[in-house]
Protein backbone atom coordinates (compact mmCIF):
# COMPACT_ATOMS: atom_id res chain seq x y z
CA MET A 1 68.95 0.89 -22.26
CA VAL A 2 67.57 1.76 -25.71
CA SER A 3 68.00 5.38 -26.87
CA GLY A 4 67.52 7.50 -29.94
CA SER A 5 66.39 10.86 -31.14
CA HIS A 6 64.16 9.59 -33.98
CA LYS A 7 60.58 10.78 -33.43
CA ILE A 8 57.83 8.11 -33.13
CA ILE A 9 54.13 8.42 -32.74
CA LEU A 10 52.11 5.89 -30.74
CA SER A 11 48.43 5.15 -31.38
CA ASN A 12 45.91 2.40 -30.99
CA SER A 13 47.71 0.39 -33.70
CA SER A 14 50.71 0.39 -31.55
CA LEU A 15 48.89 -1.31 -28.83
CA SER A 16 46.99 -3.84 -31.00
CA ASP A 17 49.67 -5.69 -33.02
CA THR A 18 49.40 -3.41 -36.12
CA LYS A 19 51.96 -1.43 -38.01
CA PRO A 20 53.17 1.66 -36.19
CA LYS A 21 52.31 5.11 -37.29
CA THR A 22 54.90 7.56 -38.74
CA VAL A 23 55.06 11.24 -38.20
CA GLY A 24 51.99 12.91 -39.75
CA SER A 25 49.59 10.16 -39.07
CA THR A 26 46.47 10.69 -36.89
CA GLY A 27 44.70 8.47 -34.24
CA HIS A 28 41.69 7.64 -36.40
CA GLN A 29 43.93 5.95 -39.01
CA SER A 30 44.03 2.77 -37.03
CA VAL A 31 40.43 2.27 -37.98
CA LEU A 32 40.67 3.49 -41.59
CA ASP A 33 43.89 1.79 -42.51
CA GLY A 34 43.35 -1.41 -44.48
CA LEU A 35 39.74 -0.37 -45.07
CA SER A 36 38.97 -1.32 -48.65
CA MET A 37 35.90 -1.54 -50.95
CA ILE A 38 35.29 -2.77 -54.45
CA SER A 39 32.03 -2.23 -56.23
CA ILE A 40 30.23 -2.41 -59.60
CA LYS A 41 27.13 -0.38 -60.44
CA LEU A 42 24.81 -1.94 -63.11
CA ALA A 43 25.30 -0.61 -66.56
CA SER A 44 24.37 -1.67 -70.10
CA GLY A 45 27.92 -3.23 -70.59
CA ASN A 46 28.27 -5.16 -67.27
CA VAL A 47 24.87 -6.82 -66.71
CA GLU A 48 26.19 -10.36 -66.89
CA VAL A 49 29.16 -9.68 -64.65
CA VAL A 50 26.91 -8.09 -62.03
CA LYS A 51 24.55 -11.08 -62.16
CA SER A 52 27.51 -13.42 -61.69
CA LEU A 53 28.65 -11.39 -58.47
CA THR A 54 25.39 -10.54 -56.83
CA SER A 55 23.95 -12.44 -53.78
CA GLU A 56 20.43 -11.36 -54.90
CA GLY A 57 18.55 -14.56 -55.63
CA LEU A 58 20.66 -16.71 -53.17
CA SER A 59 19.13 -18.19 -50.12
CA LEU A 60 20.35 -17.09 -46.84
CA ASN A 61 22.43 -20.23 -46.37
CA GLN A 62 23.93 -19.88 -49.87
CA ARG A 63 24.81 -16.24 -49.09
CA LEU A 64 26.36 -17.28 -45.73
CA ASP A 65 28.53 -20.05 -47.45
CA LEU A 66 29.60 -17.51 -50.06
CA ILE A 67 30.78 -14.89 -47.50
CA LYS A 68 32.47 -17.50 -45.41
CA ARG A 69 34.30 -18.75 -48.59
CA ILE A 70 35.47 -15.26 -49.33
CA ASN A 71 36.49 -14.75 -45.71
CA SER A 72 38.55 -17.96 -45.86
CA ASN A 73 40.17 -16.98 -49.18
CA LEU A 74 41.11 -13.50 -47.74
CA GLY A 75 41.84 -14.48 -44.09
CA GLU A 76 39.78 -11.39 -42.90
CA GLU A 77 36.22 -10.37 -42.38
CA ILE A 78 34.32 -8.83 -45.33
CA PHE A 79 30.95 -7.11 -45.67
CA GLU A 80 28.86 -7.97 -48.74
CA PHE A 81 26.02 -5.89 -50.02
CA SER A 82 23.94 -6.33 -53.12
CA THR A 83 20.97 -4.41 -54.58
CA CYS A 84 19.18 -4.42 -57.84
CA ASN A 85 21.55 -1.72 -58.95
CA ARG A 86 24.99 -2.67 -57.63
CA VAL A 87 27.10 -5.13 -55.82
CA LEU A 88 29.88 -4.15 -53.36
CA TYR A 89 32.29 -5.73 -50.99
CA VAL A 90 34.05 -4.15 -48.01
CA GLY A 91 37.29 -5.54 -46.64
CA PHE A 92 39.14 -4.78 -43.42
CA SER A 93 42.85 -4.83 -42.78
CA THR A 94 43.46 -5.70 -46.44
CA THR A 95 44.00 -4.11 -49.87
CA CYS A 96 41.56 -3.64 -52.77
CA ASP A 97 43.65 -6.05 -54.87
CA LEU A 98 43.66 -8.84 -52.29
CA LEU A 99 39.89 -8.29 -51.71
CA GLU A 100 39.22 -8.49 -55.55
CA GLU A 101 41.38 -11.62 -55.84
CA SER A 102 39.59 -13.40 -53.06
CA ILE A 103 36.10 -12.50 -54.44
CA LEU A 104 36.99 -13.53 -58.05
CA GLU A 105 38.34 -16.82 -56.62
CA ALA A 106 35.12 -17.41 -54.74
CA PHE A 107 33.00 -16.88 -57.94
CA GLY A 108 35.38 -18.67 -60.32
CA LEU A 109 35.98 -15.48 -62.37
CA GLU A 110 39.06 -14.22 -64.01
CA GLU A 111 38.28 -10.49 -63.86
CA ALA A 112 35.52 -7.90 -63.21
CA PRO A 113 35.27 -4.19 -63.74
CA PHE A 114 35.45 -3.17 -60.09
CA LYS A 115 35.83 0.34 -58.93
CA LYS A 116 38.19 0.41 -55.98
CA TYR A 117 38.17 2.62 -52.77
CA SER A 118 40.40 2.82 -49.80
CA GLY A 119 40.44 4.47 -46.33
CA MET A 120 38.07 7.47 -45.97
CA SER A 121 36.76 7.21 -49.57
CA VAL A 122 35.08 3.96 -48.60
CA TRP A 123 33.08 5.89 -45.82
CA ARG A 124 32.20 8.59 -48.31
CA ASN A 125 31.07 6.35 -50.98
CA LEU A 126 29.05 4.07 -48.75
CA VAL A 127 27.26 7.25 -47.45
CA LYS A 128 26.45 8.30 -50.95
CA ILE A 129 25.31 4.81 -52.04
CA CYS A 130 23.09 4.19 -48.99
CA SER A 131 21.58 7.70 -49.10
CA GLY A 132 20.59 7.34 -52.85
CA LEU A 133 22.98 10.14 -53.91
CA ASP A 134 25.36 7.91 -55.89
CA SER A 135 22.88 7.12 -58.61
CA PHE A 136 19.54 8.70 -57.64
CA MET A 137 18.00 5.36 -58.54
CA LEU A 138 14.57 5.45 -56.87
CA GLY A 139 14.66 1.84 -55.86
CA GLU A 140 17.76 2.84 -53.95
CA LEU A 141 16.06 5.67 -52.07
CA GLN A 142 14.94 2.86 -49.63
CA VAL A 143 18.38 1.27 -49.69
CA MET A 144 19.20 2.33 -46.18
CA ALA A 145 16.65 -0.18 -44.82
CA GLN A 146 18.29 -2.90 -46.85
CA PHE A 147 21.72 -1.71 -45.67
CA ARG A 148 20.62 -1.82 -42.01
CA ASP A 149 19.24 -5.37 -42.59
CA ALA A 150 22.48 -6.46 -44.17
CA ILE A 151 24.54 -5.17 -41.21
CA ALA A 152 22.22 -6.88 -38.82
CA TRP A 153 22.43 -10.13 -40.78
CA HIS A 154 26.23 -10.05 -40.85
CA LYS A 155 26.34 -9.45 -37.05
CA LYS A 156 23.83 -12.19 -36.41
CA ASN A 157 25.92 -14.72 -38.34
CA ASP A 158 29.16 -13.64 -36.62
CA LEU A 159 30.53 -12.21 -39.91
CA LEU A 160 31.24 -8.70 -38.39
CA SER A 161 32.94 -7.95 -35.04
CA VAL A 162 31.42 -5.31 -32.82
CA HIS A 163 34.27 -2.94 -33.61
CA LYS A 164 33.77 -3.25 -37.41
CA GLY A 165 29.98 -3.00 -36.85
CA THR A 166 30.48 0.39 -35.20
CA PHE A 167 31.88 1.78 -38.56
CA PHE A 168 28.71 0.90 -40.35
CA ASP A 169 26.63 2.39 -37.53
CA HIS A 170 28.39 5.71 -38.32
CA ILE A 171 27.32 5.40 -41.94
CA ILE A 172 23.78 4.90 -40.91
CA ALA A 173 23.87 8.08 -38.80
CA ALA A 174 25.37 9.99 -41.67
CA ASN A 175 22.70 8.74 -44.08
CA ARG A 176 19.89 9.84 -41.78
CA THR A 177 21.38 13.45 -41.77
CA ILE A 178 21.68 13.51 -45.52
CA ARG A 179 18.27 12.14 -46.24
CA LYS A 180 16.71 14.55 -43.84
CA GLU A 181 18.59 17.43 -45.35
CA PHE A 182 17.34 16.64 -48.85
CA GLY A 183 13.95 15.52 -48.04
CA PHE A 184 14.52 11.90 -49.07
CA THR A 185 12.59 10.72 -46.14
CA LYS A 186 9.43 12.03 -47.79
CA THR A 187 10.10 10.26 -50.95
CA THR A 188 7.74 7.31 -51.13
CA GLU A 189 8.78 6.31 -54.67
CA SER A 190 9.88 2.76 -55.18
CA MET A 191 10.41 0.56 -58.19
CA LEU A 192 6.69 -0.53 -58.05
CA ASN A 193 5.51 3.04 -57.70
CA LEU A 194 7.54 3.98 -60.71
CA ALA A 195 5.56 1.28 -62.69
CA THR A 196 2.19 2.73 -61.76
CA ASN A 197 2.04 4.75 -65.02
CA SER A 198 2.79 1.71 -67.06
CA LEU A 199 0.15 -0.19 -65.20
CA GLU A 200 -2.40 2.48 -65.62
CA LYS A 201 -1.74 2.59 -69.37
CA ILE A 202 -2.10 -1.14 -69.81
CA LEU A 203 -5.33 -1.12 -67.82
CA SER A 204 -6.78 1.77 -69.80
CA GLU A 205 -6.35 -0.21 -73.00
CA ASN A 206 -7.73 -3.43 -71.51
CA SER A 207 -9.50 -3.41 -68.22
CA ASP A 208 -9.72 -7.21 -67.98
CA VAL A 209 -6.00 -8.28 -67.96
CA SER A 210 -6.39 -10.96 -65.27
CA PRO A 211 -3.09 -10.06 -63.73
CA VAL A 212 -0.78 -12.76 -62.28
CA VAL A 213 1.75 -11.93 -59.55
CA LEU A 214 4.61 -14.37 -59.20
CA GLY A 215 5.77 -14.46 -55.53
CA PHE A 216 4.13 -13.36 -52.24
CA GLY A 217 7.04 -11.74 -50.34
CA ASP A 218 7.38 -8.10 -49.48
CA MET A 219 7.60 -6.97 -53.09
CA GLY A 220 4.93 -9.26 -54.16
CA SER A 221 2.47 -7.99 -51.50
CA LYS A 222 3.18 -4.41 -52.66
CA ALA A 223 2.38 -5.48 -56.31
CA ILE A 224 -0.88 -7.00 -55.13
CA SER A 225 -1.84 -3.92 -53.21
CA ALA A 226 -1.12 -1.61 -56.18
CA LEU A 227 -3.29 -3.80 -58.48
CA LEU A 228 -6.18 -3.82 -55.92
CA GLU A 229 -5.94 -0.11 -55.63
CA LEU A 230 -6.32 0.10 -59.42
CA GLU A 231 -9.51 -1.82 -59.00
CA GLN A 232 -8.32 -5.20 -60.26
CA SER A 233 -10.59 -7.82 -58.75
CA ASN A 234 -9.32 -10.86 -60.74
CA VAL A 235 -5.81 -11.10 -59.27
CA THR A 236 -4.00 -14.39 -59.24
CA VAL A 237 -1.01 -14.89 -56.98
CA VAL A 238 1.41 -17.75 -57.46
CA SER A 239 3.33 -18.70 -54.38
CA ARG A 240 6.01 -21.23 -53.51
CA SER A 241 4.65 -21.56 -50.03
CA ILE A 242 0.94 -21.07 -49.78
CA GLU A 243 0.66 -21.72 -45.97
CA LYS A 244 3.25 -19.17 -45.24
CA SER A 245 1.62 -16.53 -47.52
CA GLN A 246 -1.69 -17.11 -45.85
CA SER A 247 -0.16 -16.70 -42.44
CA LYS A 248 1.81 -13.53 -43.29
CA TYR A 249 -0.81 -11.70 -45.40
CA PRO A 250 -4.24 -12.96 -44.24
CA GLU A 251 -6.22 -9.89 -45.40
CA LEU A 252 -4.60 -9.77 -48.87
CA VAL A 253 -5.15 -13.55 -49.34
CA LYS A 254 -8.88 -13.02 -49.01
CA LYS A 255 -8.83 -10.59 -52.00
CA VAL A 256 -6.89 -12.69 -54.46
CA ARG A 257 -6.78 -16.20 -55.99
CA LEU A 258 -3.80 -17.92 -54.43
CA ILE A 259 -2.35 -20.91 -56.16
CA SER A 260 0.95 -22.95 -56.36
CA PHE A 261 3.37 -22.85 -59.35
CA GLU A 262 2.33 -26.34 -60.14
CA GLU A 263 -1.29 -25.28 -60.51
CA TRP A 264 -0.43 -22.28 -62.58
CA HIS A 265 1.81 -24.23 -64.93
CA SER A 266 -0.93 -26.87 -65.54
CA SER A 267 -3.78 -24.45 -66.08
CA ALA A 268 -4.99 -22.40 -69.17
CA ASN A 269 -3.82 -18.83 -68.40
CA LYS A 270 -5.57 -15.97 -69.99
CA THR A 271 -3.55 -13.30 -68.34
CA LYS A 272 -2.32 -10.26 -70.20
CA LEU A 273 -0.12 -9.13 -67.37
CA VAL A 274 2.51 -10.96 -65.27
CA ILE A 275 4.42 -9.25 -62.53
CA SER A 276 7.38 -11.30 -61.22
CA THR A 277 8.94 -10.74 -57.80
CA ILE A 278 10.51 -14.20 -57.29
CA ARG A 279 14.10 -14.64 -56.13
CA ALA A 280 16.28 -16.87 -58.22
CA GLU A 281 19.93 -17.18 -59.19
CA THR A 282 19.04 -17.87 -62.88
CA PRO A 283 15.88 -17.22 -64.84
CA VAL A 284 13.00 -19.53 -63.75
CA TYR A 285 11.44 -19.18 -67.12
CA ASN A 286 13.75 -19.78 -70.17
CA GLN A 287 14.02 -21.64 -73.36
CA ASN A 288 13.60 -24.96 -71.57
CA SER A 289 10.84 -23.68 -69.26
CA PRO A 290 8.57 -21.28 -71.12
CA LEU A 291 6.24 -18.73 -69.45
CA PRO A 292 2.65 -20.13 -69.61
CA VAL A 293 0.94 -16.91 -70.92
CA ASP A 294 -0.38 -15.53 -74.17
CA GLU A 295 2.31 -14.31 -76.53
CA ASP A 296 1.06 -10.72 -76.30
CA ALA A 297 1.14 -10.59 -72.55
CA VAL A 298 3.16 -7.76 -70.72
CA VAL A 299 5.78 -8.87 -68.28
CA MET A 300 7.09 -6.76 -65.56
CA ASP A 301 10.13 -8.41 -63.97
CA PHE A 302 11.06 -6.91 -60.64
CA SER A 303 13.50 -9.74 -59.80
CA TRP A 304 17.22 -9.31 -59.73
CA PRO A 305 18.79 -11.37 -61.15
CA PRO A 306 15.92 -11.57 -63.71
CA SER A 307 13.45 -14.44 -63.12
CA ILE A 308 12.36 -14.40 -66.75
CA ASP A 309 14.50 -14.64 -69.80
CA SER A 310 13.17 -11.85 -72.18
CA SER A 311 14.22 -13.74 -75.23
CA ILE A 312 11.47 -16.35 -74.74
CA LEU A 313 8.75 -13.77 -75.33
CA ALA A 314 7.25 -13.34 -78.75
CA ASP A 315 7.68 -9.66 -78.39
CA GLU A 316 10.59 -8.59 -76.24
CA THR A 317 9.24 -4.96 -76.22
CA ASN A 318 6.53 -6.30 -73.82
CA TYR A 319 9.24 -7.19 -71.28
CA PHE A 320 10.01 -4.55 -68.52
CA GLY A 321 12.97 -5.71 -66.50
CA MET A 322 15.23 -4.15 -63.90
CA GLN A 323 17.27 -2.32 -66.55
CA HIS A 324 14.08 -0.60 -67.68
CA TRP A 325 13.11 0.60 -64.22
CA ILE A 326 16.56 1.86 -63.54
CA ARG A 327 16.51 3.95 -66.73
CA GLU A 328 13.06 5.26 -65.81
CA SER A 329 14.06 6.23 -62.26
CA ARG A 330 17.21 8.03 -63.71
CA GLN A 331 14.92 9.95 -65.98
CA TYR A 332 12.84 10.95 -62.99
CA GLY A 333 16.02 12.13 -61.22
CA LYS A 334 16.36 14.81 -63.83
CA GLU A 335 13.21 16.41 -62.41
CA TRP A 336 15.03 16.66 -59.04
CA ASP A 337 17.89 18.59 -60.69
CA TYR A 338 20.31 15.74 -59.90
CA ASN A 339 23.49 17.74 -60.59
CA SER A 340 22.56 20.49 -58.19
CA THR A 341 21.63 18.08 -55.51
CA ILE A 342 25.02 16.24 -55.86
CA LYS A 343 26.87 19.64 -55.53
CA LYS A 344 24.93 20.51 -52.43
CA SER A 345 25.36 17.05 -51.07
CA GLU A 346 29.10 17.30 -51.14
CA VAL A 347 29.01 20.07 -48.66
CA VAL A 348 26.77 18.26 -46.37
CA ILE A 349 28.83 15.09 -46.55
CA SER A 350 31.98 16.96 -45.83
CA ASP A 351 30.38 18.43 -42.62
CA VAL A 352 29.16 15.01 -41.60
CA GLU A 353 32.57 13.51 -42.44
CA SER A 354 34.24 16.04 -40.11
CA LYS A 355 31.93 15.06 -37.33
CA PHE A 356 32.61 11.40 -37.97
CA MET A 357 36.39 11.82 -37.94
CA SER A 358 36.18 13.83 -34.80
CA ALA A 359 34.13 11.13 -33.11
CA LEU A 360 36.48 8.49 -34.39
CA THR A 361 39.51 10.41 -33.18
CA ASP A 362 37.95 11.01 -29.77
CA ARG A 363 37.09 7.31 -29.45
CA ASN A 364 40.46 6.13 -30.52
CA GLU A 365 42.22 8.63 -28.22
CA ALA A 366 40.15 7.49 -25.30
CA MET A 367 41.03 3.78 -26.12
CA PHE A 368 44.69 4.68 -26.50
CA ARG A 369 44.90 6.57 -23.11
CA SER A 370 43.03 3.65 -21.30
CA ARG A 371 45.43 1.07 -22.71
CA MET A 372 48.51 3.25 -22.04
CA TYR A 373 47.58 3.83 -18.44
CA LYS A 374 47.00 0.13 -18.00
CA LEU A 375 50.47 -0.76 -19.40
CA LEU A 376 52.11 1.79 -17.05
CA GLU A 377 50.10 0.53 -14.09
CA GLU A 378 51.32 -2.95 -14.76
CA LEU A 379 54.86 -1.76 -14.87
CA SER A 380 54.49 0.13 -11.60
CA GLN A 381 53.51 -3.07 -9.96
CA GLU A 382 56.87 -4.56 -11.05
CA TRP A 383 58.70 -1.46 -9.71
CA LEU A 384 56.94 -1.81 -6.42
CA SER A 385 58.26 -5.29 -6.05
CA ASN A 386 61.81 -4.10 -6.56
CA ASP A 387 64.03 -4.82 -3.43
CA PRO A 388 65.69 -1.40 -3.05
CA VAL A 389 62.29 0.47 -3.10
CA MET A 390 61.95 2.20 0.19
CA LEU A 391 58.47 2.82 1.82
CA THR A 392 58.55 6.60 1.01
CA GLU A 393 59.33 5.81 -2.59
CA GLY A 394 56.66 3.28 -2.89
CA SER A 395 53.96 5.83 -2.53
CA GLN A 396 55.47 7.75 -5.39
CA ILE A 397 55.57 5.01 -7.87
CA GLN A 398 51.99 4.65 -8.99
CA PRO A 399 51.42 8.39 -9.30
CA PHE A 400 54.63 8.59 -11.28
CA SER A 401 53.47 5.87 -13.59
CA ARG A 402 50.23 7.77 -14.30
CA GLU A 403 52.34 10.91 -14.79
CA ILE A 404 54.43 9.10 -17.36
CA ALA A 405 51.24 7.77 -19.09
CA THR A 406 49.79 11.30 -19.24
CA TRP A 407 53.04 12.62 -20.75
CA ILE A 408 52.99 10.00 -23.48
CA CYS A 409 49.27 10.46 -24.31
CA ASN A 410 49.69 14.21 -24.54
CA LYS A 411 52.61 13.94 -27.14
CA LYS A 412 50.32 13.64 -30.05
CA ASP A 413 53.00 14.99 -32.37
CA GLY A 414 55.39 12.30 -31.39
CA PHE A 415 58.41 12.05 -29.16
CA SER A 416 61.86 10.38 -29.11
CA ILE A 417 63.21 7.60 -26.95
CA ASP A 418 65.65 10.10 -25.42
CA GLU A 419 62.95 12.69 -24.69
CA ILE A 420 60.97 10.22 -22.50
CA GLY A 421 64.17 9.23 -20.75
CA ASP A 422 64.92 12.89 -20.00
CA MET A 423 61.34 13.39 -18.66
CA ILE A 424 61.79 10.49 -16.28
CA PHE A 425 65.16 11.66 -14.97
CA GLN A 426 64.02 15.22 -14.54
CA THR A 427 61.23 14.32 -12.20
CA LYS A 428 60.99 16.24 -8.82
CA ARG A 429 59.59 13.09 -7.09
CA GLU A 430 61.80 11.64 -4.32
CA ILE A 431 62.89 8.56 -6.17
CA ASN A 432 66.43 7.11 -6.04
CA GLN A 433 68.74 7.05 -9.07
CA ASN A 434 68.78 3.18 -9.20
CA LEU A 435 65.08 2.97 -9.32
CA LEU A 436 64.77 5.81 -11.89
CA GLN A 437 67.24 3.86 -14.04
CA LYS A 438 64.88 0.92 -13.83
CA VAL A 439 61.81 3.00 -14.65
CA ALA A 440 63.60 4.76 -17.56
CA HIS A 441 64.84 1.41 -18.88
CA ASP A 442 61.48 -0.30 -18.65
CA VAL A 443 59.46 2.66 -20.21
CA GLN A 444 61.97 3.10 -22.94
CA GLN A 445 61.82 -0.65 -23.73
CA LEU A 446 58.05 -0.56 -23.77
CA VAL A 447 57.83 2.48 -26.03
CA TYR A 448 60.55 1.06 -28.40
CA GLY A 449 58.67 -2.22 -28.57
CA LEU A 450 55.38 -0.65 -29.36
CA SER A 451 56.93 1.57 -32.03
CA THR A 452 58.43 -1.38 -33.91
CA LYS A 453 55.48 -3.65 -33.85
CA THR A 454 54.61 -4.94 -37.33
CA THR A 455 51.68 -6.99 -38.69
CA ALA A 456 52.32 -10.68 -38.53
């Protein structure tokens, strides 16, 4: 029979082949342990690195292959999320260093200026990012919809288990609370809305700019609508898939000239304004493939990575890319008193975090109790099959097993092997000593085994 006075604490991790907890650990740690995140926010000094690491511009199949490659390198599930302003990766049951190593290997890079977060700080930073508080970048005030879509896509492609998906569901719930608290739900600003002033200025100087919109996806359709609202009647839209565009936006198609890229490249273009919303890994228009427009045309590039290489323009000051819109949005953030908003948000996040931890703890404790009762129920079946068990004792075995399970579950601060042995031998139930010896031996062996489990 095993024995000992060393205090141990059992939790979900003890029942699921993970490293046991030491004194001072809490039930929710089994979910947060091994939770890691690395991220990079776009800045003037890291543009090329962010472009190298983002999934923006990749097709869905390319993105799927990328994540599977990282999963294979790491040997664990990961969550990838890219926006025009940042790239981040979340890993489970791993460390930030291992996660970084796997990602750099997948992209063929030696290093990258990642910021690293572990445990609960992952949750807090994801909440800040997805609520728009992290950078107050107006394009990211709508980032929660992108975040939800990313989660759904990962689940659909079996990249996230149900258990890990629940973690992200909590983040979405927290975001709703924060956005409602600060009125972000009423903020209709987006990257395109932010460009309205620039558009109005261009049109005030030249009402006949014959605008061209590259791409007819969600962003492209918004650009078209904005131009039509500004009373532009000569709008040309260049699409990779004309039939799909006609089917998806039948009403808008009636109000514009819809052509293919081949047609646009071969025609004489008089446009003074190009708005690009096309997705591409590298610039579609570069030194080898010039943009077919007048040299004084204004180019608004809403693509990330950029779809147009600004160096090919005769006047680069006419190019307004993602970095420009990010600077503009941060300037707008000053009007919101960003610093004051951040201070207030910390209080709100702490309150939401407390509720999250409570829910996580309750869930883990419920799972732990369920598993512990099941284990003791299985042991009781073995005890019932023991030859010396008399009929009167048989009726006591299952209730006693539940009593033992309850005792274990209630010992949240831990207990020793000797303590549980004492609890069993001190029972008032009518069970003979030989059987009690068997019960104590089996339970102590079970507890000892659970307490010494380590990760394979």
